[in-house]
């Protein structure tokens, strides 16, 4: 685990409430070696969920904001915990915490650092966007929208356009009571089927 990996800093009372509500969120990204190919990849676990009042969720996406396929689903007896694993050479994490209608957001990019023979490469992480005390009413959340964040001077701090959809998906996750499914990662077969096929209707 990279101890310097950026993550939301949440007050201890909030963390205790999450624990009491049974909401578990695994926020770290690790470097893992694939024995057969000999290459290193990043491993990340989508996790989280919510109760009526609070929630925490982390989802993972491609660097350009597209959805990634999950490697395996992780079914558990309890809800609002781990949901699926993905591996990639680089990825973006979208971590969010919610207290009623107030949201905290951290979007970070992760890649493998310089490889040294015999050593595990470091995970290099860069903060892409940090949102503090964003607001979103229940009515707007049900429309699939993302929270709105402001600077200290009261100006709107827009989310980078390529990550807006990702943030909307994680917003749904951080509000999903007793969550048992993925909001960010997607079945690889469904991802392939969603890719437009070439139109051969004009082929001769």
C-alpha atoms as a PDB file:
ATOM      1  CA  UNK A   1       0.000   0.000   0.000  1.00  0.00           C
ATOM      2  CA  UNK A   2       1.236   3.494  -0.811  1.00  0.00           C
ATOM      3  CA  UNK A   3       1.082   5.484   2.434  1.00  0.00           C
ATOM      4  CA  UNK A   4       1.335   8.740   0.455  1.00  0.00           C
ATOM      5  CA  UNK A   5      -1.702   7.912  -1.658  1.00  0.00           C
ATOM      6  CA  UNK A   6      -4.205  10.785  -1.549  1.00  0.00           C
ATOM      7  CA  UNK A   7      -7.487  10.062   0.173  1.00  0.00           C
ATOM      8  CA  UNK A   8     -10.323  11.925   1.813  1.00  0.00           C
ATOM      9  CA  UNK A   9      -9.487  13.109   5.311  1.00  0.00           C
ATOM     10  CA  UNK A  10     -12.630  12.473   7.329  1.00  0.00           C
ATOM     11  CA  UNK A  11     -13.245  13.332  11.013  1.00  0.00           C
ATOM     12  CA  UNK A  12     -13.141  10.458  13.482  1.00  0.00           C
ATOM     13  CA  UNK A  13     -16.804  10.863  14.547  1.00  0.00           C
ATOM     14  CA  UNK A  14     -17.828  10.449  10.901  1.00  0.00           C
ATOM     15  CA  UNK A  15     -15.648   7.332  10.534  1.00  0.00           C
ATOM     16  CA  UNK A  16     -17.211   5.875  13.671  1.00  0.00           C
ATOM     17  CA  UNK A  17     -20.688   6.488  12.244  1.00  0.00           C
ATOM     18  CA  UNK A  18     -19.683   4.725   9.036  1.00  0.00           C
ATOM     19  CA  UNK A  19     -18.399   1.782  11.049  1.00  0.00           C
ATOM     20  CA  UNK A  20     -21.610   1.648  13.083  1.00  0.00           C
ATOM     21  CA  UNK A  21     -23.647   1.728   9.857  1.00  0.00           C
ATOM     22  CA  UNK A  22     -21.593  -1.152   8.418  1.00  0.00           C
ATOM     23  CA  UNK A  23     -20.163   0.894   5.531  1.00  0.00           C
ATOM     24  CA  UNK A  24     -16.688  -0.289   4.489  1.00  0.00           C
ATOM     25  CA  UNK A  25     -14.607   1.497   1.845  1.00  0.00           C
ATOM     26  CA  UNK A  26     -11.208   0.179   0.645  1.00  0.00           C
ATOM     27  CA  UNK A  27      -9.475   3.251  -0.763  1.00  0.00           C
ATOM     28  CA  UNK A  28      -5.957   2.078  -1.567  1.00  0.00           C
ATOM     29  CA  UNK A  29      -4.431   0.976  -4.896  1.00  0.00           C
ATOM     30  CA  UNK A  30      -1.616  -1.587  -4.996  1.00  0.00           C
ATOM     31  CA  UNK A  31       1.003  -2.714  -7.525  1.00  0.00           C
ATOM     32  CA  UNK A  32       0.762  -6.447  -8.295  1.00  0.00           C
ATOM     33  CA  UNK A  33       2.913  -8.664 -10.544  1.00  0.00           C
ATOM     34  CA  UNK A  34       1.327 -10.999 -13.061  1.00  0.00           C
ATOM     35  CA  UNK A  35       3.453 -14.157 -12.927  1.00  0.00           C
ATOM     36  CA  UNK A  36       2.686 -15.454 -16.415  1.00  0.00           C
ATOM     37  CA  UNK A  37       3.379 -12.233 -18.313  1.00  0.00           C
ATOM     38  CA  UNK A  38       5.882 -10.811 -15.835  1.00  0.00           C
ATOM     39  CA  UNK A  39       4.263  -7.383 -16.018  1.00  0.00           C
ATOM     40  CA  UNK A  40       3.103  -5.163 -13.178  1.00  0.00           C
ATOM     41  CA  UNK A  41      -0.445  -3.827 -12.932  1.00  0.00           C
ATOM     42  CA  UNK A  42      -2.493  -1.739 -10.535  1.00  0.00           C
ATOM     43  CA  UNK A  43      -5.119  -3.527  -8.464  1.00  0.00           C
ATOM     44  CA  UNK A  44      -8.102  -1.628  -7.075  1.00  0.00           C
ATOM     45  CA  UNK A  45     -11.301  -2.642  -5.291  1.00  0.00           C
ATOM     46  CA  UNK A  46     -14.596  -0.818  -5.791  1.00  0.00           C
ATOM     47  CA  UNK A  47     -16.322  -0.605  -2.432  1.00  0.00           C
ATOM     48  CA  UNK A  48     -18.695   1.329  -0.211  1.00  0.00           C
ATOM     49  CA  UNK A  49     -22.348   2.104   0.265  1.00  0.00           C
ATOM     50  CA  UNK A  50     -24.616   4.093   2.530  1.00  0.00           C
ATOM     51  CA  UNK A  51     -27.207   4.365   5.221  1.00  0.00           C
ATOM     52  CA  UNK A  52     -29.957   6.977   5.017  1.00  0.00           C
ATOM     53  CA  UNK A  53     -27.830   9.719   6.621  1.00  0.00           C
ATOM     54  CA  UNK A  54     -24.246   8.927   5.593  1.00  0.00           C
ATOM     55  CA  UNK A  55     -22.226   7.125   2.954  1.00  0.00           C
ATOM     56  CA  UNK A  56     -18.783   6.546   1.498  1.00  0.00           C
ATOM     57  CA  UNK A  57     -17.864   5.063  -1.866  1.00  0.00           C
ATOM     58  CA  UNK A  58     -14.882   4.662  -4.182  1.00  0.00           C
ATOM     59  CA  UNK A  59     -15.058   3.743  -7.852  1.00  0.00           C
ATOM     60  CA  UNK A  60     -12.337   3.313 -10.469  1.00  0.00           C
ATOM     61  CA  UNK A  61     -12.242   4.479 -14.073  1.00  0.00           C
ATOM     62  CA  UNK A  62      -9.927   4.775 -17.056  1.00  0.00           C
ATOM     63  CA  UNK A  63      -7.695   7.840 -17.259  1.00  0.00           C
ATOM     64  CA  UNK A  64     -10.053   9.406 -19.807  1.00  0.00           C
ATOM     65  CA  UNK A  65     -13.035   8.873 -17.494  1.00  0.00           C
ATOM     66  CA  UNK A  66     -14.471   5.833 -19.283  1.00  0.00           C
ATOM     67  CA  UNK A  67     -15.766   2.882 -17.277  1.00  0.00           C
ATOM     68  CA  UNK A  68     -13.454  -0.085 -16.680  1.00  0.00           C
ATOM     69  CA  UNK A  69     -14.399  -3.775 -16.695  1.00  0.00           C
ATOM     70  CA  UNK A  70     -14.260  -5.667 -13.440  1.00  0.00           C
ATOM     71  CA  UNK A  71     -11.932  -8.649 -13.189  1.00  0.00           C
ATOM     72  CA  UNK A  72     -14.137 -10.409 -10.650  1.00  0.00           C
ATOM     73  CA  UNK A  73     -17.239  -9.662  -8.611  1.00  0.00           C
ATOM     74  CA  UNK A  74     -16.921 -10.033  -4.834  1.00  0.00           C
ATOM     75  CA  UNK A  75     -20.152 -11.193  -3.241  1.00  0.00           C
ATOM     76  CA  UNK A  76     -20.394 -10.890   0.536  1.00  0.00           C
ATOM     77  CA  UNK A  77     -23.045 -11.656   3.142  1.00  0.00           C
ATOM     78  CA  UNK A  78     -22.895  -8.079   4.406  1.00  0.00           C
ATOM     79  CA  UNK A  79     -23.785  -5.068   2.266  1.00  0.00           C
ATOM     80  CA  UNK A  80     -22.019  -1.730   1.668  1.00  0.00           C
ATOM     81  CA  UNK A  81     -18.586  -3.359   1.484  1.00  0.00           C
ATOM     82  CA  UNK A  82     -16.381  -4.612  -1.340  1.00  0.00           C
ATOM     83  CA  UNK A  83     -18.063  -5.096  -4.716  1.00  0.00           C
ATOM     84  CA  UNK A  84     -15.507  -5.897  -7.435  1.00  0.00           C
ATOM     85  CA  UNK A  85     -11.812  -5.931  -8.367  1.00  0.00           C
ATOM     86  CA  UNK A  86     -10.203  -4.362 -11.416  1.00  0.00           C
ATOM     87  CA  UNK A  87      -6.625  -4.357 -12.716  1.00  0.00           C
ATOM     88  CA  UNK A  88      -5.095  -1.837 -15.124  1.00  0.00           C
ATOM     89  CA  UNK A  89      -1.779  -0.183 -15.917  1.00  0.00           C
ATOM     90  CA  UNK A  90      -3.232   3.192 -14.942  1.00  0.00           C
ATOM     91  CA  UNK A  91      -6.567   4.347 -13.577  1.00  0.00           C
ATOM     92  CA  UNK A  92      -8.500   7.104 -11.849  1.00  0.00           C
ATOM     93  CA  UNK A  93     -10.147   6.775  -8.442  1.00  0.00           C
ATOM     94  CA  UNK A  94     -13.264   8.750  -7.530  1.00  0.00           C
ATOM     95  CA  UNK A  95     -13.756   8.739  -3.756  1.00  0.00           C
ATOM     96  CA  UNK A  96     -16.754  10.389  -2.142  1.00  0.00           C
ATOM     97  CA  UNK A  97     -18.238  10.762   1.326  1.00  0.00           C
ATOM     98  CA  UNK A  98     -21.760  12.002   2.118  1.00  0.00           C
ATOM     99  CA  UNK A  99     -23.398  13.393   5.232  1.00  0.00           C
ATOM    100  CA  UNK A 100     -27.065  13.979   4.414  1.00  0.00           C
ATOM    101  CA  UNK A 101     -26.876  16.433   1.457  1.00  0.00           C
ATOM    102  CA  UNK A 102     -23.230  17.509   1.927  1.00  0.00           C
ATOM    103  CA  UNK A 103     -20.483  15.781  -0.067  1.00  0.00           C
ATOM    104  CA  UNK A 104     -16.687  15.487  -0.036  1.00  0.00           C
ATOM    105  CA  UNK A 105     -14.939  14.447  -3.259  1.00  0.00           C
ATOM    106  CA  UNK A 106     -11.459  13.377  -4.313  1.00  0.00           C
ATOM    107  CA  UNK A 107     -10.516  12.445  -7.882  1.00  0.00           C
ATOM    108  CA  UNK A 108      -6.979  11.078  -8.263  1.00  0.00           C
ATOM    109  CA  UNK A 109      -4.958   9.481 -11.071  1.00  0.00           C
ATOM    110  CA  UNK A 110      -2.733   6.475 -10.346  1.00  0.00           C
ATOM    111  CA  UNK A 111       0.094   4.936 -12.375  1.00  0.00           C
ATOM    112  CA  UNK A 112       3.076   2.678 -11.840  1.00  0.00           C
ATOM    113  CA  UNK A 113       6.371   4.332 -11.004  1.00  0.00           C
ATOM    114  CA  UNK A 114       9.815   3.407 -12.254  1.00  0.00           C
ATOM    115  CA  UNK A 115      10.414  -0.346 -12.209  1.00  0.00           C
ATOM    116  CA  UNK A 116      13.549  -1.681 -10.500  1.00  0.00           C
ATOM    117  CA  UNK A 117      14.512  -5.337 -10.902  1.00  0.00           C
ATOM    118  CA  UNK A 118      13.515  -7.343  -7.849  1.00  0.00           C
ATOM    119  CA  UNK A 119      11.439  -4.563  -6.293  1.00  0.00           C
ATOM    120  CA  UNK A 120       7.768  -3.694  -6.327  1.00  0.00           C
ATOM    121  CA  UNK A 121       7.269  -0.469  -8.316  1.00  0.00           C
ATOM    122  CA  UNK A 122       5.726   2.447  -6.428  1.00  0.00           C
ATOM    123  CA  UNK A 123       2.222   3.687  -7.138  1.00  0.00           C
ATOM    124  CA  UNK A 124       2.407   7.304  -8.276  1.00  0.00           C
ATOM    125  CA  UNK A 125      -0.764   9.233  -7.442  1.00  0.00           C
ATOM    126  CA  UNK A 126      -1.812  12.723  -8.507  1.00  0.00           C
ATOM    127  CA  UNK A 127      -4.828  14.679  -7.262  1.00  0.00           C
ATOM    128  CA  UNK A 128      -6.969  15.742 -10.232  1.00  0.00           C
ATOM    129  CA  UNK A 129      -9.796  17.411  -8.300  1.00  0.00           C
ATOM    130  CA  UNK A 130     -10.731  17.935  -4.669  1.00  0.00           C
ATOM    131  CA  UNK A 131     -14.196  19.147  -3.710  1.00  0.00           C
ATOM    132  CA  UNK A 132     -15.119  20.244  -0.182  1.00  0.00           C
ATOM    133  CA  UNK A 133     -18.645  20.530   1.252  1.00  0.00           C
ATOM    134  CA  UNK A 134     -20.448  20.149  -2.057  1.00  0.00           C
ATOM    135  CA  UNK A 135     -24.238  20.351  -2.030  1.00  0.00           C
ATOM    136  CA  UNK A 136     -26.835  18.182  -3.749  1.00  0.00           C
ATOM    137  CA  UNK A 137     -30.505  17.903  -2.835  1.00  0.00           C
ATOM    138  CA  UNK A 138     -32.199  14.514  -2.779  1.00  0.00           C
ATOM    139  CA  UNK A 139     -34.414  15.590  -5.687  1.00  0.00           C
ATOM    140  CA  UNK A 140     -31.421  16.454  -7.898  1.00  0.00           C
ATOM    141  CA  UNK A 141     -29.559  13.290  -6.850  1.00  0.00           C
ATOM    142  CA  UNK A 142     -32.499  11.198  -8.014  1.00  0.00           C
ATOM    143  CA  UNK A 143     -32.082  12.857 -11.418  1.00  0.00           C
ATOM    144  CA  UNK A 144     -28.548  11.418 -11.629  1.00  0.00           C
ATOM    145  CA  UNK A 145     -26.701  14.714 -11.078  1.00  0.00           C
ATOM    146  CA  UNK A 146     -23.432  15.383  -9.228  1.00  0.00           C
ATOM    147  CA  UNK A 147     -22.900  17.716  -6.241  1.00  0.00           C
ATOM    148  CA  UNK A 148     -21.890  21.333  -6.868  1.00  0.00           C
ATOM    149  CA  UNK A 149     -18.681  22.524  -5.235  1.00  0.00           C
ATOM    150  CA  UNK A 150     -17.491  26.047  -4.462  1.00  0.00           C
ATOM    151  CA  UNK A 151     -14.222  27.811  -3.734  1.00  0.00           C
ATOM    152  CA  UNK A 152     -13.709  29.585  -0.395  1.00  0.00           C
ATOM    153  CA  UNK A 153     -14.651  32.838  -2.132  1.00  0.00           C
ATOM    154  CA  UNK A 154     -17.992  31.419  -3.281  1.00  0.00           C
ATOM    155  CA  UNK A 155     -17.159  30.690  -6.932  1.00  0.00           C
ATOM    156  CA  UNK A 156     -18.307  27.452  -8.537  1.00  0.00           C
ATOM    157  CA  UNK A 157     -15.484  24.929  -8.940  1.00  0.00           C
ATOM    158  CA  UNK A 158     -16.572  22.828 -11.911  1.00  0.00           C
ATOM    159  CA  UNK A 159     -15.651  19.150 -12.020  1.00  0.00           C
ATOM    160  CA  UNK A 160     -13.356  18.374 -15.006  1.00  0.00           C
ATOM    161  CA  UNK A 161     -15.742  17.525 -17.867  1.00  0.00           C
ATOM    162  CA  UNK A 162     -14.215  14.111 -18.620  1.00  0.00           C
ATOM    163  CA  UNK A 163     -14.894  13.006 -15.031  1.00  0.00           C
ATOM    164  CA  UNK A 164     -18.436  14.340 -14.604  1.00  0.00           C
ATOM    165  CA  UNK A 165     -20.095  11.037 -15.547  1.00  0.00           C
ATOM    166  CA  UNK A 166     -17.754   9.154 -13.209  1.00  0.00           C
ATOM    167  CA  UNK A 167     -18.619  11.488 -10.329  1.00  0.00           C
ATOM    168  CA  UNK A 168     -22.344  11.055 -11.050  1.00  0.00           C
ATOM    169  CA  UNK A 169     -21.971   7.269 -10.858  1.00  0.00           C
ATOM    170  CA  UNK A 170     -20.111   7.442  -7.548  1.00  0.00           C
ATOM    171  CA  UNK A 171     -22.716   9.914  -6.228  1.00  0.00           C
ATOM    172  CA  UNK A 172     -25.278   7.172  -6.777  1.00  0.00           C
ATOM    173  CA  UNK A 173     -23.022   4.719  -4.939  1.00  0.00           C
ATOM    174  CA  UNK A 174     -22.493   6.938  -1.919  1.00  0.00           C
ATOM    175  CA  UNK A 175     -26.283   7.224  -1.604  1.00  0.00           C
ATOM    176  CA  UNK A 176     -27.083   3.539  -2.224  1.00  0.00           C
ATOM    177  CA  UNK A 177     -28.493   2.146   1.037  1.00  0.00           C
ATOM    178  CA  UNK A 178     -27.265  -1.393   1.825  1.00  0.00           C
ATOM    179  CA  UNK A 179     -25.412  -1.415  -1.507  1.00  0.00           C
ATOM    180  CA  UNK A 180     -24.672  -4.828  -3.030  1.00  0.00           C
ATOM    181  CA  UNK A 181     -23.708  -3.969  -6.601  1.00  0.00           C
ATOM    182  CA  UNK A 182     -21.188  -2.017  -8.696  1.00  0.00           C
ATOM    183  CA  UNK A 183     -21.850   1.569  -9.696  1.00  0.00           C
ATOM    184  CA  UNK A 184     -18.563   2.221 -11.535  1.00  0.00           C
ATOM    185  CA  UNK A 185     -16.991  -1.012 -12.803  1.00  0.00           C
ATOM    186  CA  UNK A 186     -18.906  -2.883 -15.456  1.00  0.00           C
ATOM    187  CA  UNK A 187     -19.107  -6.445 -16.758  1.00  0.00           C
ATOM    188  CA  UNK A 188     -16.458  -6.775 -19.467  1.00  0.00           C
ATOM    189  CA  UNK A 189     -18.899  -8.494 -21.819  1.00  0.00           C
ATOM    190  CA  UNK A 190     -21.374  -5.633 -21.464  1.00  0.00           C
ATOM    191  CA  UNK A 191     -18.547  -3.189 -22.163  1.00  0.00           C
ATOM    192  CA  UNK A 192     -17.663  -4.976 -25.398  1.00  0.00           C
ATOM    193  CA  UNK A 193     -21.300  -5.083 -26.490  1.00  0.00           C
ATOM    194  CA  UNK A 194     -21.642  -1.336 -25.876  1.00  0.00           C
ATOM    195  CA  UNK A 195     -18.874  -0.511 -28.376  1.00  0.00           C
ATOM    196  CA  UNK A 196     -20.456   0.626 -31.676  1.00  0.00           C
ATOM    197  CA  UNK A 197     -19.941  -1.849 -34.497  1.00  0.00           C
ATOM    198  CA  UNK A 198     -18.993  -0.626 -37.983  1.00  0.00           C
ATOM    199  CA  UNK A 199     -21.917  -0.138 -40.329  1.00  0.00           C
ATOM    200  CA  UNK A 200     -21.487  -2.634 -43.160  1.00  0.00           C
ATOM    201  CA  UNK A 201     -24.811  -1.801 -44.769  1.00  0.00           C
ATOM    202  CA  UNK A 202     -23.054   0.034 -47.611  1.00  0.00           C
ATOM    203  CA  UNK A 203     -20.435  -2.656 -48.176  1.00  0.00           C
ATOM    204  CA  UNK A 204     -20.373  -3.999 -51.710  1.00  0.00           C
END
